[in-house]
Amino acid sequence: MSALTLPRAGGGTFSHTPRTEPSPYVPGGSPLVSRTVLSAAHVVADPYADTSPDSAAAVDWDATLAFRRHLWAHGLGVAEAMDTAQRGMGLDWAGAAELIRRSAAEARSVGGAIACGAGTDQLPPGTHDLATVTAAYEEQLALVEGSGAQAVLMASRALAATATGPDDYLTAYGHLLRQAGEPVILHWLGPMFDPALEGYWGSADLDTATETFLQVVAAHPDKVDGIKVSLLDARREVELRRRLPEGVRCYTGDDFHYPELIAGDEHGFSHALLGVFDPLGPLAAEAVRVLDTGDTDGFRKLLDPTVELSRHLFRTPTRFYKTGVVLLAWLAGHQSHFTMVGGLQSARSLPHLARAYQLADGVGLFPDPELAATRMRALLTVHGVPQ
């Protein structure tokens, strides 16, 4: 296979010779048993829709659901309508509600595990009274549970704007957890993923915020299946999971330190709910199967080399990681185009995308390396990089 000319971030170009061996990770295999692993999945835009960045999302439902079947086929669960699906960044509540209904029905048809995000994004931006925010949460929680999916109570921009301190969070979440029919996952998404969530749990001081968060969990341990922490701080996550009530899980959302957090230590481990497991799904599933045998070193040998790619995808501004995720889905053949809802395919530079391709190729993510190279070559040519 001939080499590609890739642009450097600092200027100039370099040559990359693609690998020729296809990804060895195929669907099937034994169920994952030692860890619960959920992949937060992206949505596939309809490339033929005549839309603008201000339009409602136009979703290719067939391709979107096919990607979820791909994840289930490898033994992963799906975390639906989360920020990886461009929730609040191109996908509004109406689109998210349709996504939840369709994906939950698809999960039932194939026996796949699914958890879906419930938030407050039907409300307009700005402050509201606490009762309005709580009612918005209740509406979404009812839809998720009515679909048969597990609920993930997402961090709320509206609550962040409305709450005057920790007591408002305790009141709102306490009410919601009493309403929940089944145990939920509580989601703490840091401001690096969404700047509007600065000061969540009533304080910009993370130690103070952590105490409020743990108060919510401790007051309702029977209604909390687990917590999902996306702060990109491994030390803080380890300390937090050691303080959880017995039976409450920690789902890592740390796309920088996931191998060590999932592997765990003598005091415990994290399960996973990760956006990076969208592109890494087949490899991640195989790594967990190795961990299921007790081979922690083998698990780390498979997963550690992917961290450089993940850190690249999630580099600042972190909220635009979805662009690299969708690029890799296109290169891997999971969709026919590199178009995103809201036009977000333009949110990362060409050198950034080229580096993502190089790193993904290096860890053997592509089922058809020649297809990936051909598509990357076309993207480079369109952007004026001679091949």
Protein backbone atom coordinates (compact mmCIF):
# COMPACT_ATOMS: atom_id res chain seq x y z
CA MET A 1 0.00 0.00 0.00
CA SER A 2 1.45 3.36 -0.97
CA ALA A 3 2.35 5.97 1.63
CA LEU A 4 0.15 8.95 2.49
CA THR A 5 1.39 12.50 2.81
CA LEU A 6 0.06 13.84 6.12
CA PRO A 7 0.19 17.45 7.38
CA ARG A 8 2.08 18.28 10.57
CA ALA A 9 0.51 20.40 13.28
CA GLY A 10 3.44 22.82 13.18
CA GLY A 11 3.53 23.05 9.40
CA GLY A 12 4.92 20.90 6.62
CA THR A 13 4.12 17.30 5.84
CA PHE A 14 5.43 13.81 6.52
CA SER A 15 5.00 10.37 4.98
CA HIS A 16 2.99 7.60 6.64
CA THR A 17 2.90 4.05 5.30
CA PRO A 18 -0.35 2.37 6.39
CA ARG A 19 -0.27 -1.06 7.97
CA THR A 20 -1.68 -3.85 5.82
CA GLU A 21 -2.97 -6.22 8.52
CA PRO A 22 -6.69 -5.82 9.28
CA SER A 23 -7.95 -5.45 12.83
CA PRO A 24 -7.96 -8.91 14.45
CA TYR A 25 -10.98 -8.11 16.64
CA VAL A 26 -14.11 -9.74 15.25
CA PRO A 27 -17.68 -9.88 16.59
CA GLY A 28 -18.62 -12.64 18.97
CA GLY A 29 -16.61 -14.03 21.81
CA SER A 30 -17.59 -14.77 25.37
CA PRO A 31 -19.70 -12.26 27.35
CA LEU A 32 -17.78 -9.71 29.44
CA VAL A 33 -18.05 -10.70 33.09
CA SER A 34 -15.52 -8.93 35.29
CA ARG A 35 -16.48 -5.40 34.25
CA THR A 36 -19.61 -3.68 32.98
CA VAL A 37 -18.52 -1.78 29.86
CA LEU A 38 -20.70 0.79 28.12
CA SER A 39 -19.66 2.62 24.98
CA ALA A 40 -21.09 6.11 24.57
CA ALA A 41 -22.01 6.01 20.89
CA HIS A 42 -22.05 8.74 18.24
CA VAL A 43 -24.90 9.51 15.85
CA VAL A 44 -24.56 9.31 12.08
CA ALA A 45 -25.79 12.40 10.25
CA ASP A 46 -27.87 12.25 7.08
CA PRO A 47 -25.42 13.62 4.50
CA TYR A 48 -28.18 14.35 1.99
CA ALA A 49 -30.21 16.56 4.33
CA ASP A 50 -30.36 20.23 3.32
CA THR A 51 -29.51 21.63 6.75
CA SER A 52 -27.50 24.40 8.37
CA PRO A 53 -25.73 24.46 11.75
CA ASP A 54 -28.90 26.05 13.17
CA SER A 55 -31.20 23.30 11.87
CA ALA A 56 -32.54 20.41 13.88
CA ALA A 57 -30.31 17.37 13.55
CA ALA A 58 -30.91 15.21 10.50
CA VAL A 59 -29.96 11.67 11.54
CA ASP A 60 -29.34 8.66 9.33
CA TRP A 61 -31.26 6.24 11.51
CA ASP A 62 -30.26 3.09 9.65
CA ALA A 63 -26.54 3.82 9.94
CA THR A 64 -26.89 5.03 13.53
CA LEU A 65 -28.61 1.84 14.65
CA ALA A 66 -26.21 -0.32 12.62
CA PHE A 67 -23.35 1.17 14.61
CA ARG A 68 -25.05 0.23 17.87
CA ARG A 69 -25.48 -3.34 16.59
CA HIS A 70 -21.74 -3.34 15.88
CA LEU A 71 -21.01 -2.47 19.52
CA TRP A 72 -23.46 -5.05 20.86
CA ALA A 73 -21.99 -7.70 18.55
CA HIS A 74 -18.64 -7.23 20.27
CA GLY A 75 -20.21 -7.66 23.71
CA LEU A 76 -20.32 -4.01 24.77
CA GLY A 77 -23.28 -2.14 26.16
CA VAL A 78 -24.39 1.14 24.66
CA ALA A 79 -24.65 4.42 26.54
CA GLU A 80 -27.19 6.28 24.42
CA ALA A 81 -27.98 9.96 23.94
CA MET A 82 -24.95 11.08 25.93
CA ASP A 83 -22.54 13.85 25.00
CA THR A 84 -20.81 11.56 22.49
CA ALA A 85 -24.07 11.61 20.52
CA GLN A 86 -23.63 15.42 20.33
CA ARG A 87 -26.29 15.95 22.98
CA GLY A 88 -26.46 19.71 23.34
CA MET A 89 -23.97 20.13 20.47
CA GLY A 90 -26.21 19.55 17.46
CA LEU A 91 -28.69 17.01 18.86
CA ASP A 92 -31.63 18.61 20.67
CA TRP A 93 -34.08 16.93 23.02
CA ALA A 94 -36.52 16.03 20.26
CA GLY A 95 -33.74 14.24 18.37
CA ALA A 96 -32.42 12.64 21.56
CA ALA A 97 -35.89 11.37 22.48
CA GLU A 98 -36.26 9.73 19.08
CA LEU A 99 -32.76 8.26 19.40
CA ILE A 100 -33.62 6.80 22.81
CA ARG A 101 -36.85 5.23 21.56
CA ARG A 102 -35.25 3.72 18.48
CA SER A 103 -32.10 2.47 20.21
CA ALA A 104 -33.98 0.99 23.15
CA ALA A 105 -36.23 -0.92 20.75
CA GLU A 106 -33.17 -2.13 18.83
CA ALA A 107 -31.54 -3.22 22.09
CA ARG A 108 -34.58 -5.33 22.94
CA SER A 109 -34.52 -6.96 19.52
CA VAL A 110 -30.88 -8.09 19.84
CA GLY A 111 -30.63 -8.53 23.61
CA GLY A 112 -28.16 -5.67 23.98
CA ALA A 113 -27.49 -3.71 27.16
CA ILE A 114 -28.43 -0.03 27.00
CA ALA A 115 -28.44 2.97 29.30
CA CYS A 116 -29.80 6.34 28.14
CA GLY A 117 -29.19 9.89 29.22
CA ALA A 118 -31.95 11.86 30.95
CA GLY A 119 -31.34 15.56 31.34
CA THR A 120 -33.08 18.92 31.01
CA ASP A 121 -32.15 20.07 27.51
CA GLN A 122 -35.77 20.69 26.49
CA LEU A 123 -35.48 23.90 28.54
CA PRO A 124 -34.16 27.08 26.90
CA PRO A 125 -30.75 28.36 28.04
CA GLY A 126 -30.64 30.43 31.21
CA THR A 127 -31.94 30.22 34.74
CA HIS A 128 -35.24 28.66 35.79
CA ASP A 129 -36.87 27.88 39.09
CA LEU A 130 -35.87 24.59 40.68
CA ALA A 131 -39.32 23.06 40.19
CA THR A 132 -39.11 23.66 36.43
CA VAL A 133 -35.70 22.03 36.21
CA THR A 134 -36.86 19.06 38.24
CA ALA A 135 -39.98 18.64 36.09
CA ALA A 136 -37.82 18.64 32.94
CA TYR A 137 -35.67 15.89 34.42
CA GLU A 138 -38.81 13.92 35.35
CA GLU A 139 -40.12 14.11 31.78
CA GLN A 140 -36.91 12.68 30.36
CA LEU A 141 -36.54 10.09 33.11
CA ALA A 142 -40.06 8.84 32.37
CA LEU A 143 -39.27 8.51 28.66
CA VAL A 144 -36.04 6.59 29.29
CA GLU A 145 -37.60 4.21 31.80
CA GLY A 146 -40.69 3.84 29.62
CA SER A 147 -38.45 2.70 26.77
CA GLY A 148 -37.10 -0.10 28.95
CA ALA A 149 -33.59 1.37 29.22
CA GLN A 150 -31.59 2.14 32.32
CA ALA A 151 -31.44 5.86 33.06
CA VAL A 152 -28.30 7.95 33.32
CA LEU A 153 -29.09 11.20 35.15
CA MET A 154 -26.92 13.59 33.17
CA ALA A 155 -25.42 16.77 34.52
CA SER A 156 -27.79 19.63 33.66
CA ARG A 157 -26.84 23.03 32.26
CA ALA A 158 -30.17 24.34 33.51
CA LEU A 159 -29.52 23.11 37.04
CA ALA A 160 -26.00 24.55 36.98
CA ALA A 161 -27.45 27.93 35.98
CA THR A 162 -30.32 27.77 38.47
CA ALA A 163 -28.86 26.25 41.64
CA THR A 164 -27.76 28.70 44.29
CA GLY A 165 -25.72 26.17 46.25
CA PRO A 166 -25.34 22.52 47.28
CA ASP A 167 -28.81 22.33 48.87
CA ASP A 168 -30.50 22.84 45.51
CA TYR A 169 -28.61 19.84 44.10
CA LEU A 170 -29.53 17.73 47.12
CA THR A 171 -33.17 18.70 46.72
CA ALA A 172 -33.38 18.11 42.98
CA TYR A 173 -31.50 14.82 42.89
CA GLY A 174 -33.21 13.55 46.02
CA HIS A 175 -36.59 14.11 44.39
CA LEU A 176 -35.52 12.43 41.15
CA LEU A 177 -34.04 9.39 42.84
CA ARG A 178 -37.22 8.87 44.83
CA GLN A 179 -39.12 8.99 41.51
CA ALA A 180 -36.82 6.55 39.68
CA GLY A 181 -38.34 3.13 39.13
CA GLU A 182 -34.97 1.39 38.88
CA PRO A 183 -31.43 2.24 40.03
CA VAL A 184 -29.82 4.92 37.86
CA ILE A 185 -26.32 6.02 36.98
CA LEU A 186 -25.41 9.50 38.23
CA HIS A 187 -23.27 11.40 35.75
CA TRP A 188 -20.72 14.03 36.79
CA LEU A 189 -19.41 15.68 33.63
CA GLY A 190 -16.59 18.15 34.15
CA PRO A 191 -16.39 21.62 32.55
CA MET A 192 -13.66 20.45 30.17
CA PHE A 193 -16.45 18.53 28.41
CA ASP A 194 -19.04 21.30 28.82
CA PRO A 195 -18.04 24.75 30.14
CA ALA A 196 -21.65 25.42 31.15
CA LEU A 197 -21.23 22.82 33.92
CA GLU A 198 -18.61 24.80 35.85
CA GLY A 199 -19.36 24.67 39.58
CA TYR A 200 -21.59 21.61 39.40
CA TRP A 201 -22.80 20.23 42.74
CA GLY A 202 -22.76 23.80 44.07
CA SER A 203 -19.07 24.63 44.14
CA ALA A 204 -16.13 25.22 41.80
CA ASP A 205 -13.95 23.61 44.49
CA LEU A 206 -13.86 19.93 43.54
CA ASP A 207 -13.35 18.74 47.12
CA THR A 208 -16.48 20.57 48.23
CA ALA A 209 -18.41 19.39 45.17
CA THR A 210 -17.35 15.81 45.86
CA GLU A 211 -18.83 15.93 49.35
CA THR A 212 -22.20 17.05 47.97
CA PHE A 213 -22.09 14.38 45.28
CA LEU A 214 -21.39 11.69 47.89
CA GLN A 215 -24.22 13.02 50.05
CA VAL A 216 -26.64 12.41 47.19
CA VAL A 217 -25.38 8.85 46.74
CA ALA A 218 -25.32 8.05 50.46
CA ALA A 219 -28.92 9.23 50.91
CA HIS A 220 -30.25 6.91 48.18
CA PRO A 221 -27.87 3.94 47.72
CA ASP A 222 -30.74 1.67 46.69
CA LYS A 223 -31.56 3.97 43.76
CA VAL A 224 -27.99 4.46 42.52
CA ASP A 225 -26.55 1.66 40.40
CA GLY A 226 -23.37 3.65 39.98
CA ILE A 227 -21.69 6.95 39.33
CA LYS A 228 -20.06 8.03 36.08
CA VAL A 229 -17.18 10.42 36.61
CA SER A 230 -15.69 12.45 33.75
CA LEU A 231 -13.16 14.76 35.39
CA LEU A 232 -9.95 13.43 33.74
CA ASP A 233 -8.42 13.11 37.23
CA ALA A 234 -7.49 9.51 38.06
CA ARG A 235 -6.49 10.22 41.66
CA ARG A 236 -9.80 11.89 42.42
CA GLU A 237 -11.76 9.05 40.81
CA VAL A 238 -9.92 6.41 42.86
CA GLU A 239 -10.54 8.33 46.08
CA LEU A 240 -14.20 8.77 45.17
CA ARG A 241 -14.85 5.13 44.31
CA ARG A 242 -13.30 4.02 47.63
CA ARG A 243 -15.92 6.08 49.46
CA LEU A 244 -18.97 4.72 47.64
CA PRO A 245 -21.54 2.70 49.58
CA GLU A 246 -21.30 -1.05 49.12
CA GLY A 247 -22.97 -2.12 45.89
CA VAL A 248 -22.67 1.26 44.15
CA ARG A 249 -20.37 1.05 41.14
CA CYS A 250 -17.94 3.56 39.73
CA TYR A 251 -18.05 3.85 35.93
CA THR A 252 -14.96 5.60 34.71
CA GLY A 253 -15.48 8.36 32.19
CA ASP A 254 -11.78 9.24 32.23
CA ASP A 255 -10.59 9.05 28.64
CA PHE A 256 -6.99 9.74 29.74
CA HIS A 257 -6.48 7.05 32.40
CA TYR A 258 -9.01 4.29 31.64
CA PRO A 259 -6.62 1.28 31.51
CA GLU A 260 -5.35 1.77 35.06
CA LEU A 261 -8.79 2.67 36.42
CA ILE A 262 -10.50 -0.35 34.88
CA ALA A 263 -7.65 -2.65 35.95
CA GLY A 264 -8.01 -1.32 39.49
CA ASP A 265 -5.97 -1.93 42.61
CA GLU A 266 -6.17 -3.90 45.83
CA HIS A 267 -9.12 -1.77 46.97
CA GLY A 268 -11.30 -2.08 43.88
CA PHE A 269 -11.73 -1.04 40.26
CA SER A 270 -13.86 1.04 37.92
CA HIS A 271 -16.34 -0.22 35.37
CA ALA A 272 -16.51 1.86 32.18
CA LEU A 273 -18.79 4.31 30.39
CA LEU A 274 -16.49 5.89 27.85
CA GLY A 275 -16.73 7.92 24.68
CA VAL A 276 -13.40 6.58 23.49
CA PHE A 277 -14.86 3.08 23.50
CA ASP A 278 -16.86 4.16 20.43
CA PRO A 279 -13.78 3.85 18.16
CA LEU A 280 -11.99 1.39 20.48
CA GLY A 281 -14.99 -0.90 21.01
CA PRO A 282 -13.73 -4.16 19.48
CA LEU A 283 -10.24 -3.79 20.96
CA ALA A 284 -11.62 -2.77 24.36
CA ALA A 285 -13.96 -5.76 24.45
CA GLU A 286 -11.08 -8.12 23.72
CA ALA A 287 -8.98 -6.48 26.42
CA VAL A 288 -11.73 -6.99 29.01
CA ARG A 289 -12.06 -10.64 27.98
CA VAL A 290 -8.36 -11.00 28.76
CA LEU A 291 -8.95 -9.29 32.11
CA ASP A 292 -11.81 -11.73 32.76
CA THR A 293 -9.20 -14.52 32.86
CA GLY A 294 -7.27 -12.68 35.58
CA ASP A 295 -4.53 -11.54 33.20
CA THR A 296 -4.17 -7.89 34.16
CA ASP A 297 -0.83 -7.56 32.37
CA GLY A 298 -2.37 -8.87 29.15
CA PHE A 299 -5.26 -6.43 29.54
CA ARG A 300 -2.85 -3.51 29.95
CA LYS A 301 -0.71 -4.71 27.04
CA LEU A 302 -3.74 -4.45 24.76
CA LEU A 303 -5.26 -1.24 26.10
CA ASP A 304 -2.27 0.90 27.15
CA PRO A 305 -1.12 1.59 23.56
CA THR A 306 -4.51 3.20 22.81
CA VAL A 307 -4.09 5.96 25.40
CA GLU A 308 -2.04 8.19 23.11
CA LEU A 309 -4.85 8.12 20.56
CA SER A 310 -7.47 8.81 23.21
CA ARG A 311 -5.55 11.73 24.66
CA HIS A 312 -5.20 13.14 21.18
CA LEU A 313 -8.92 12.83 20.45
CA PHE A 314 -9.82 14.44 23.78
CA ARG A 315 -7.24 17.21 23.77
CA THR A 316 -8.35 20.74 24.58
CA PRO A 317 -10.97 21.91 23.72
CA THR A 318 -12.12 18.49 24.89
CA ARG A 319 -15.78 18.92 23.93
CA PHE A 320 -14.84 18.61 20.26
CA TYR A 321 -13.60 15.03 20.65
CA LYS A 322 -16.69 13.86 18.76
CA THR A 323 -15.13 15.02 15.48
CA GLY A 324 -12.26 12.56 15.76
CA VAL A 325 -14.62 9.80 16.85
CA VAL A 326 -16.77 10.23 13.74
CA LEU A 327 -13.71 10.47 11.50
CA LEU A 328 -12.54 7.07 12.76
CA ALA A 329 -16.00 5.55 12.30
CA TRP A 330 -15.93 6.69 8.66
CA LEU A 331 -12.40 5.42 8.10
CA ALA A 332 -13.31 2.08 9.69
CA GLY A 333 -16.23 1.66 7.28
CA HIS A 334 -19.07 2.09 9.78
CA GLN A 335 -20.57 4.95 7.77
CA SER A 336 -20.30 6.17 4.21
CA HIS A 337 -19.29 9.77 4.87
CA PHE A 338 -17.57 12.21 7.21
CA THR A 339 -20.50 14.53 7.92
CA MET A 340 -21.76 15.43 11.40
CA VAL A 341 -24.92 17.00 12.75
CA GLY A 342 -24.39 20.70 13.28
CA GLY A 343 -21.50 20.69 10.81
CA LEU A 344 -19.16 19.63 13.61
CA GLN A 345 -16.82 17.87 11.16
CA SER A 346 -15.17 21.30 10.90
CA ALA A 347 -14.40 21.49 14.64
CA ARG A 348 -10.92 19.94 14.38
CA SER A 349 -8.03 20.90 12.13
CA LEU A 350 -6.74 18.76 9.29
CA PRO A 351 -3.43 18.08 11.11
CA HIS A 352 -5.44 16.93 14.14
CA LEU A 353 -7.48 14.53 12.01
CA ALA A 354 -4.38 13.27 10.22
CA ARG A 355 -2.72 12.48 13.54
CA ALA A 356 -5.86 10.67 14.71
CA TYR A 357 -5.71 8.51 11.59
CA GLN A 358 -2.01 7.77 12.07
CA LEU A 359 -2.47 6.75 15.71
CA ALA A 360 -5.55 4.62 15.00
CA ASP A 361 -3.71 2.87 12.18
CA GLY A 362 -0.79 2.28 14.51
CA VAL A 363 -2.90 0.34 17.04
CA GLY A 364 -4.66 -1.68 14.34
CA LEU A 365 -8.19 -0.30 14.65
CA PHE A 366 -9.20 -0.56 11.00
CA PRO A 367 -10.94 -3.72 9.75
CA ASP A 368 -9.91 -2.72 6.22
CA PRO A 369 -6.70 -0.64 6.31
CA GLU A 370 -6.83 -0.09 2.55
CA LEU A 371 -10.32 1.41 2.77
CA ALA A 372 -9.17 3.64 5.64
CA ALA A 373 -6.15 4.81 3.66
CA THR A 374 -8.24 5.47 0.55
CA ARG A 375 -10.75 7.53 2.47
CA MET A 376 -8.04 9.44 4.35
CA ARG A 377 -6.29 10.14 1.06
CA ALA A 378 -9.52 11.56 -0.38
CA LEU A 379 -10.01 13.82 2.64
CA LEU A 380 -6.45 15.10 2.37
CA THR A 381 -6.80 15.76 -1.36
CA VAL A 382 -10.03 17.72 -0.89
CA HIS A 383 -8.21 19.88 1.68
CA GLY A 384 -5.32 20.60 -0.65
CA VAL A 385 -2.66 18.15 0.54
CA PRO A 386 -1.22 16.60 -2.65
CA GLN A 387 -0.94 12.80 -2.62
